[in-house]
Amino acid sequence: MMSETLLTRVPPEELSEGARAAWEALNELTNVPTFVEVFAKAPELLDFAMVQFYQNIFFQGRVAERYKQLSRLRLSMNHGCRTCNLQNLVGVADIGYSQDQIDAMWRQDYAGFSEDEQAVMELADEIALNNPHGKLTPELHARLKRHFSDEEILELGLCLAVIVGMVKLSFAFGLVEKEDYCEFGVQ
């Protein structure tokens, strides 16, 4: 399947070496590398998304990657981004989460997760695009604080906010495929 966008795509054979590597990875995981094809027209923006954000903050930073992977999957489950779900399911499986845990996440059943993991997924649920009234409540903050510093909570929030913004952009610009249950318009 191919996503539909009005924006110009850079053909795979014309991508720079770095963009080509990102294209191959995304194409292998999702078969929808439109994001890279479109953003390759503005290499500094592709660099921001793939290097400055993902490599330097999401995969590194103060907070362990496993929490970011878990929260990113919760976001994509909430949003109904098929392209995101395909890559995020691989991400959480690769770092050791079981299929039973993933299935429970679909049901929003966090009982099989540790307290820190539960708090991170609940933070993702609060920040999700489809939760316009989401809020960091005193109760959720207290549970997060048992495991994370305020700086780490900020990093988690920033990662989630950037991802939410990128998914909104991707939906609006036709850069991704949506799940049947996605509430953000039809393709």
C-alpha atoms as a PDB file:
ATOM      1  CA  MET A   1       0.000   0.000   0.000  1.00  0.00           C
ATOM      2  CA  MET A   2       1.205   3.529  -0.615  1.00  0.00           C
ATOM      3  CA  SER A   3       0.244   6.626   1.289  1.00  0.00           C
ATOM      4  CA  GLU A   4      -1.145   9.499  -0.723  1.00  0.00           C
ATOM      5  CA  THR A   5       0.530  12.876  -0.451  1.00  0.00           C
ATOM      6  CA  LEU A   6       0.376  16.022  -2.520  1.00  0.00           C
ATOM      7  CA  LEU A   7       4.019  16.767  -1.720  1.00  0.00           C
ATOM      8  CA  THR A   8       6.868  15.915  -4.064  1.00  0.00           C
ATOM      9  CA  ARG A   9       8.777  12.721  -3.341  1.00  0.00           C
ATOM     10  CA  VAL A  10      12.459  12.143  -3.982  1.00  0.00           C
ATOM     11  CA  PRO A  11      12.791   8.817  -5.822  1.00  0.00           C
ATOM     12  CA  PRO A  12      14.754   6.233  -3.817  1.00  0.00           C
ATOM     13  CA  GLU A  13      17.576   6.140  -6.349  1.00  0.00           C
ATOM     14  CA  GLU A  14      18.111   9.905  -5.902  1.00  0.00           C
ATOM     15  CA  LEU A  15      18.296   9.898  -2.101  1.00  0.00           C
ATOM     16  CA  SER A  16      21.501  10.863  -0.318  1.00  0.00           C
ATOM     17  CA  GLU A  17      23.371   8.073   1.454  1.00  0.00           C
ATOM     18  CA  GLY A  18      21.908   8.960   4.867  1.00  0.00           C
ATOM     19  CA  ALA A  19      18.394   9.372   3.516  1.00  0.00           C
ATOM     20  CA  ARG A  20      18.722   6.119   1.600  1.00  0.00           C
ATOM     21  CA  ALA A  21      19.580   4.249   4.814  1.00  0.00           C
ATOM     22  CA  ALA A  22      16.531   5.775   6.549  1.00  0.00           C
ATOM     23  CA  TRP A  23      14.377   4.940   3.506  1.00  0.00           C
ATOM     24  CA  GLU A  24      15.537   1.306   3.477  1.00  0.00           C
ATOM     25  CA  ALA A  25      14.880   0.869   7.197  1.00  0.00           C
ATOM     26  CA  LEU A  26      11.406   2.428   7.009  1.00  0.00           C
ATOM     27  CA  ASN A  27      10.526   0.554   3.823  1.00  0.00           C
ATOM     28  CA  GLU A  28      11.585  -2.766   5.350  1.00  0.00           C
ATOM     29  CA  LEU A  29       9.495  -2.194   8.492  1.00  0.00           C
ATOM     30  CA  THR A  30       6.390  -0.610   6.979  1.00  0.00           C
ATOM     31  CA  ASN A  31       6.570  -0.674   3.182  1.00  0.00           C
ATOM     32  CA  VAL A  32       5.583   3.021   3.423  1.00  0.00           C
ATOM     33  CA  PRO A  33       8.750   5.173   3.249  1.00  0.00           C
ATOM     34  CA  THR A  34       6.835   8.282   2.162  1.00  0.00           C
ATOM     35  CA  PHE A  35       8.027  10.320   5.169  1.00  0.00           C
ATOM     36  CA  VAL A  36      11.666   9.975   4.068  1.00  0.00           C
ATOM     37  CA  GLU A  37      10.879  10.487   0.377  1.00  0.00           C
ATOM     38  CA  VAL A  38       9.091  13.771   1.095  1.00  0.00           C
ATOM     39  CA  PHE A  39      11.439  15.097   3.773  1.00  0.00           C
ATOM     40  CA  ALA A  40      14.460  14.348   1.571  1.00  0.00           C
ATOM     41  CA  LYS A  41      13.448  17.473  -0.402  1.00  0.00           C
ATOM     42  CA  ALA A  42      14.497  19.459   2.703  1.00  0.00           C
ATOM     43  CA  PRO A  43      17.538  17.551   4.028  1.00  0.00           C
ATOM     44  CA  GLU A  44      17.895  19.763   7.114  1.00  0.00           C
ATOM     45  CA  LEU A  45      14.351  18.839   8.181  1.00  0.00           C
ATOM     46  CA  LEU A  46      14.984  15.145   7.598  1.00  0.00           C
ATOM     47  CA  ASP A  47      18.182  15.545   9.639  1.00  0.00           C
ATOM     48  CA  PHE A  48      16.211  17.187  12.451  1.00  0.00           C
ATOM     49  CA  ALA A  49      13.725  14.320  12.578  1.00  0.00           C
ATOM     50  CA  MET A  50      16.074  11.392  12.081  1.00  0.00           C
ATOM     51  CA  VAL A  51      19.323  12.576  13.677  1.00  0.00           C
ATOM     52  CA  GLN A  52      18.712  15.453  16.050  1.00  0.00           C
ATOM     53  CA  PHE A  53      15.499  14.032  17.453  1.00  0.00           C
ATOM     54  CA  TYR A  54      15.600  10.257  17.026  1.00  0.00           C
ATOM     55  CA  GLN A  55      19.319   9.516  17.256  1.00  0.00           C
ATOM     56  CA  ASN A  56      20.287  12.172  19.805  1.00  0.00           C
ATOM     57  CA  ILE A  57      17.230  12.320  22.065  1.00  0.00           C
ATOM     58  CA  PHE A  58      14.910   9.370  21.493  1.00  0.00           C
ATOM     59  CA  PHE A  59      17.546   6.613  21.266  1.00  0.00           C
ATOM     60  CA  GLN A  60      19.898   8.340  23.714  1.00  0.00           C
ATOM     61  CA  GLY A  61      19.188  11.079  26.229  1.00  0.00           C
ATOM     62  CA  ARG A  62      18.512  10.826  29.956  1.00  0.00           C
ATOM     63  CA  VAL A  63      15.697   8.269  29.819  1.00  0.00           C
ATOM     64  CA  ALA A  64      16.262   4.643  28.886  1.00  0.00           C
ATOM     65  CA  GLU A  65      15.133   3.846  25.351  1.00  0.00           C
ATOM     66  CA  ARG A  66      12.768   1.111  26.551  1.00  0.00           C
ATOM     67  CA  TYR A  67      10.478   3.697  28.153  1.00  0.00           C
ATOM     68  CA  LYS A  68      10.457   5.787  24.992  1.00  0.00           C
ATOM     69  CA  GLN A  69       9.724   2.749  22.823  1.00  0.00           C
ATOM     70  CA  LEU A  70       6.889   1.703  25.109  1.00  0.00           C
ATOM     71  CA  SER A  71       5.347   5.182  25.174  1.00  0.00           C
ATOM     72  CA  ARG A  72       5.753   5.620  21.416  1.00  0.00           C
ATOM     73  CA  LEU A  73       3.849   2.386  20.799  1.00  0.00           C
ATOM     74  CA  ARG A  74       1.073   3.557  23.151  1.00  0.00           C
ATOM     75  CA  LEU A  75       0.825   6.752  21.107  1.00  0.00           C
ATOM     76  CA  SER A  76       0.594   4.939  17.792  1.00  0.00           C
ATOM     77  CA  MET A  77      -2.000   2.558  19.213  1.00  0.00           C
ATOM     78  CA  ASN A  78      -4.015   5.579  20.376  1.00  0.00           C
ATOM     79  CA  HIS A  79      -3.626   7.450  17.104  1.00  0.00           C
ATOM     80  CA  GLY A  80      -4.302   4.601  14.722  1.00  0.00           C
ATOM     81  CA  CYS A  81      -1.221   5.181  12.606  1.00  0.00           C
ATOM     82  CA  ARG A  82      -0.654   1.895  10.782  1.00  0.00           C
ATOM     83  CA  THR A  83       2.798   2.926   9.550  1.00  0.00           C
ATOM     84  CA  CYS A  84       3.799   3.865  13.113  1.00  0.00           C
ATOM     85  CA  ASN A  85       2.334   0.694  14.631  1.00  0.00           C
ATOM     86  CA  LEU A  86       4.293  -1.494  12.225  1.00  0.00           C
ATOM     87  CA  GLN A  87       7.624   0.010  13.205  1.00  0.00           C
ATOM     88  CA  ASN A  88       6.808   0.512  16.897  1.00  0.00           C
ATOM     89  CA  LEU A  89       5.669  -3.097  17.390  1.00  0.00           C
ATOM     90  CA  VAL A  90       9.070  -4.218  16.132  1.00  0.00           C
ATOM     91  CA  GLY A  91      10.765  -1.674  18.414  1.00  0.00           C
ATOM     92  CA  VAL A  92       9.159  -2.965  21.619  1.00  0.00           C
ATOM     93  CA  ALA A  93       9.575  -6.617  20.634  1.00  0.00           C
ATOM     94  CA  ASP A  94      13.264  -6.029  19.881  1.00  0.00           C
ATOM     95  CA  ILE A  95      13.877  -4.700  23.381  1.00  0.00           C
ATOM     96  CA  GLY A  96      12.198  -7.640  25.074  1.00  0.00           C
ATOM     97  CA  TYR A  97       8.484  -6.998  25.499  1.00  0.00           C
ATOM     98  CA  SER A  98       6.406 -10.124  24.953  1.00  0.00           C
ATOM     99  CA  GLN A  99       3.466 -10.589  22.620  1.00  0.00           C
ATOM    100  CA  ASP A 100       1.249 -11.007  25.687  1.00  0.00           C
ATOM    101  CA  GLN A 101       2.354  -7.592  26.956  1.00  0.00           C
ATOM    102  CA  ILE A 102       1.781  -6.023  23.541  1.00  0.00           C
ATOM    103  CA  ASP A 103      -1.687  -7.590  23.349  1.00  0.00           C
ATOM    104  CA  ALA A 104      -2.457  -6.201  26.815  1.00  0.00           C
ATOM    105  CA  MET A 105      -1.391  -2.743  25.664  1.00  0.00           C
ATOM    106  CA  TRP A 106      -4.016  -2.898  22.906  1.00  0.00           C
ATOM    107  CA  ARG A 107      -6.601  -3.448  25.646  1.00  0.00           C
ATOM    108  CA  GLN A 108      -5.057  -0.677  27.758  1.00  0.00           C
ATOM    109  CA  ASP A 109      -4.410  -3.290  30.431  1.00  0.00           C
ATOM    110  CA  TYR A 110      -1.145  -2.338  32.106  1.00  0.00           C
ATOM    111  CA  ALA A 111      -1.304  -4.890  34.962  1.00  0.00           C
ATOM    112  CA  GLY A 112       1.505  -7.008  33.472  1.00  0.00           C
ATOM    113  CA  PHE A 113       3.933  -4.090  33.521  1.00  0.00           C
ATOM    114  CA  SER A 114       6.050  -2.598  36.283  1.00  0.00           C
ATOM    115  CA  GLU A 115       4.910   0.589  38.028  1.00  0.00           C
ATOM    116  CA  ASP A 116       7.398   2.735  36.090  1.00  0.00           C
ATOM    117  CA  GLU A 117       6.252   1.268  32.767  1.00  0.00           C
ATOM    118  CA  GLN A 118       2.598   1.783  33.698  1.00  0.00           C
ATOM    119  CA  ALA A 119       3.247   5.434  34.541  1.00  0.00           C
ATOM    120  CA  VAL A 120       5.061   6.008  31.236  1.00  0.00           C
ATOM    121  CA  MET A 121       2.199   4.483  29.233  1.00  0.00           C
ATOM    122  CA  GLU A 122      -0.332   6.533  31.181  1.00  0.00           C
ATOM    123  CA  LEU A 123       1.697   9.664  30.375  1.00  0.00           C
ATOM    124  CA  ALA A 124       1.512   8.698  26.696  1.00  0.00           C
ATOM    125  CA  ASP A 125      -2.256   8.293  27.011  1.00  0.00           C
ATOM    126  CA  GLU A 126      -2.486  11.803  28.489  1.00  0.00           C
ATOM    127  CA  ILE A 127      -0.382  13.385  25.726  1.00  0.00           C
ATOM    128  CA  ALA A 128      -2.001  11.458  22.846  1.00  0.00           C
ATOM    129  CA  LEU A 129      -3.531  13.450  20.012  1.00  0.00           C
ATOM    130  CA  ASN A 130      -6.952  11.913  20.658  1.00  0.00           C
ATOM    131  CA  ASN A 131      -6.968  13.110  24.292  1.00  0.00           C
ATOM    132  CA  PRO A 132      -7.598  16.869  24.038  1.00  0.00           C
ATOM    133  CA  HIS A 133      -8.064  17.125  27.812  1.00  0.00           C
ATOM    134  CA  GLY A 134      -4.920  15.184  28.726  1.00  0.00           C
ATOM    135  CA  LYS A 135      -3.063  16.453  31.756  1.00  0.00           C
ATOM    136  CA  LEU A 136      -0.175  15.561  34.014  1.00  0.00           C
ATOM    137  CA  THR A 137      -2.194  15.115  37.184  1.00  0.00           C
ATOM    138  CA  PRO A 138      -0.625  15.279  40.661  1.00  0.00           C
ATOM    139  CA  GLU A 139      -1.230  11.524  41.003  1.00  0.00           C
ATOM    140  CA  LEU A 140       0.487  10.649  37.730  1.00  0.00           C
ATOM    141  CA  HIS A 141       3.334  13.051  38.485  1.00  0.00           C
ATOM    142  CA  ALA A 142       3.853  11.410  41.897  1.00  0.00           C
ATOM    143  CA  ARG A 143       4.012   7.943  40.298  1.00  0.00           C
ATOM    144  CA  LEU A 144       6.449   9.161  37.647  1.00  0.00           C
ATOM    145  CA  LYS A 145       8.583  10.903  40.310  1.00  0.00           C
ATOM    146  CA  ARG A 146       9.137   7.579  42.082  1.00  0.00           C
ATOM    147  CA  HIS A 147      11.194   6.513  39.061  1.00  0.00           C
ATOM    148  CA  PHE A 148      12.185   9.628  37.121  1.00  0.00           C
ATOM    149  CA  SER A 149      13.595  13.074  37.848  1.00  0.00           C
ATOM    150  CA  ASP A 150      11.733  16.135  36.600  1.00  0.00           C
ATOM    151  CA  GLU A 151      14.354  16.423  33.848  1.00  0.00           C
ATOM    152  CA  GLU A 152      13.577  12.876  32.754  1.00  0.00           C
ATOM    153  CA  ILE A 153       9.827  13.522  32.886  1.00  0.00           C
ATOM    154  CA  LEU A 154      10.412  16.578  30.679  1.00  0.00           C
ATOM    155  CA  GLU A 155      12.417  14.466  28.233  1.00  0.00           C
ATOM    156  CA  LEU A 156       9.658  11.855  28.073  1.00  0.00           C
ATOM    157  CA  GLY A 157       7.095  14.611  27.546  1.00  0.00           C
ATOM    158  CA  LEU A 158       9.180  16.263  24.837  1.00  0.00           C
ATOM    159  CA  CYS A 159       9.645  12.959  23.011  1.00  0.00           C
ATOM    160  CA  LEU A 160       5.925  12.288  23.146  1.00  0.00           C
ATOM    161  CA  ALA A 161       5.061  15.836  22.049  1.00  0.00           C
ATOM    162  CA  VAL A 162       7.405  15.691  19.049  1.00  0.00           C
ATOM    163  CA  ILE A 163       5.969  12.330  18.023  1.00  0.00           C
ATOM    164  CA  VAL A 164       2.393  13.616  18.407  1.00  0.00           C
ATOM    165  CA  GLY A 165       3.265  16.613  16.242  1.00  0.00           C
ATOM    166  CA  MET A 166       4.933  14.447  13.631  1.00  0.00           C
ATOM    167  CA  VAL A 167       1.953  12.090  13.464  1.00  0.00           C
ATOM    168  CA  LYS A 168      -0.443  15.031  13.071  1.00  0.00           C
ATOM    169  CA  LEU A 169       1.740  16.377  10.260  1.00  0.00           C
ATOM    170  CA  SER A 170       1.975  12.905   8.730  1.00  0.00           C
ATOM    171  CA  PHE A 171      -1.806  12.458   8.826  1.00  0.00           C
ATOM    172  CA  ALA A 172      -2.472  15.942   7.417  1.00  0.00           C
ATOM    173  CA  PHE A 173       0.107  15.599   4.645  1.00  0.00           C
ATOM    174  CA  GLY A 174      -0.706  11.982   3.738  1.00  0.00           C
ATOM    175  CA  LEU A 175       2.708  10.589   4.697  1.00  0.00           C
ATOM    176  CA  VAL A 176       1.498   7.473   6.531  1.00  0.00           C
ATOM    177  CA  GLU A 177      -1.167   4.815   6.348  1.00  0.00           C
ATOM    178  CA  LYS A 178      -3.915   4.728   8.953  1.00  0.00           C
ATOM    179  CA  GLU A 179      -5.504   1.811  10.780  1.00  0.00           C
ATOM    180  CA  ASP A 180      -9.211   1.148  10.183  1.00  0.00           C
ATOM    181  CA  TYR A 181      -9.976   2.463  13.677  1.00  0.00           C
ATOM    182  CA  CYS A 182      -8.078   5.739  13.180  1.00  0.00           C
ATOM    183  CA  GLU A 183     -10.367   8.631  14.097  1.00  0.00           C
ATOM    184  CA  PHE A 184      -8.403  11.255  12.170  1.00  0.00           C
ATOM    185  CA  GLY A 185     -10.202  11.181   8.828  1.00  0.00           C
ATOM    186  CA  VAL A 186     -10.247   8.743   5.976  1.00  0.00           C
ATOM    187  CA  GLN A 187      -7.426   8.131   3.536  1.00  0.00           C
END
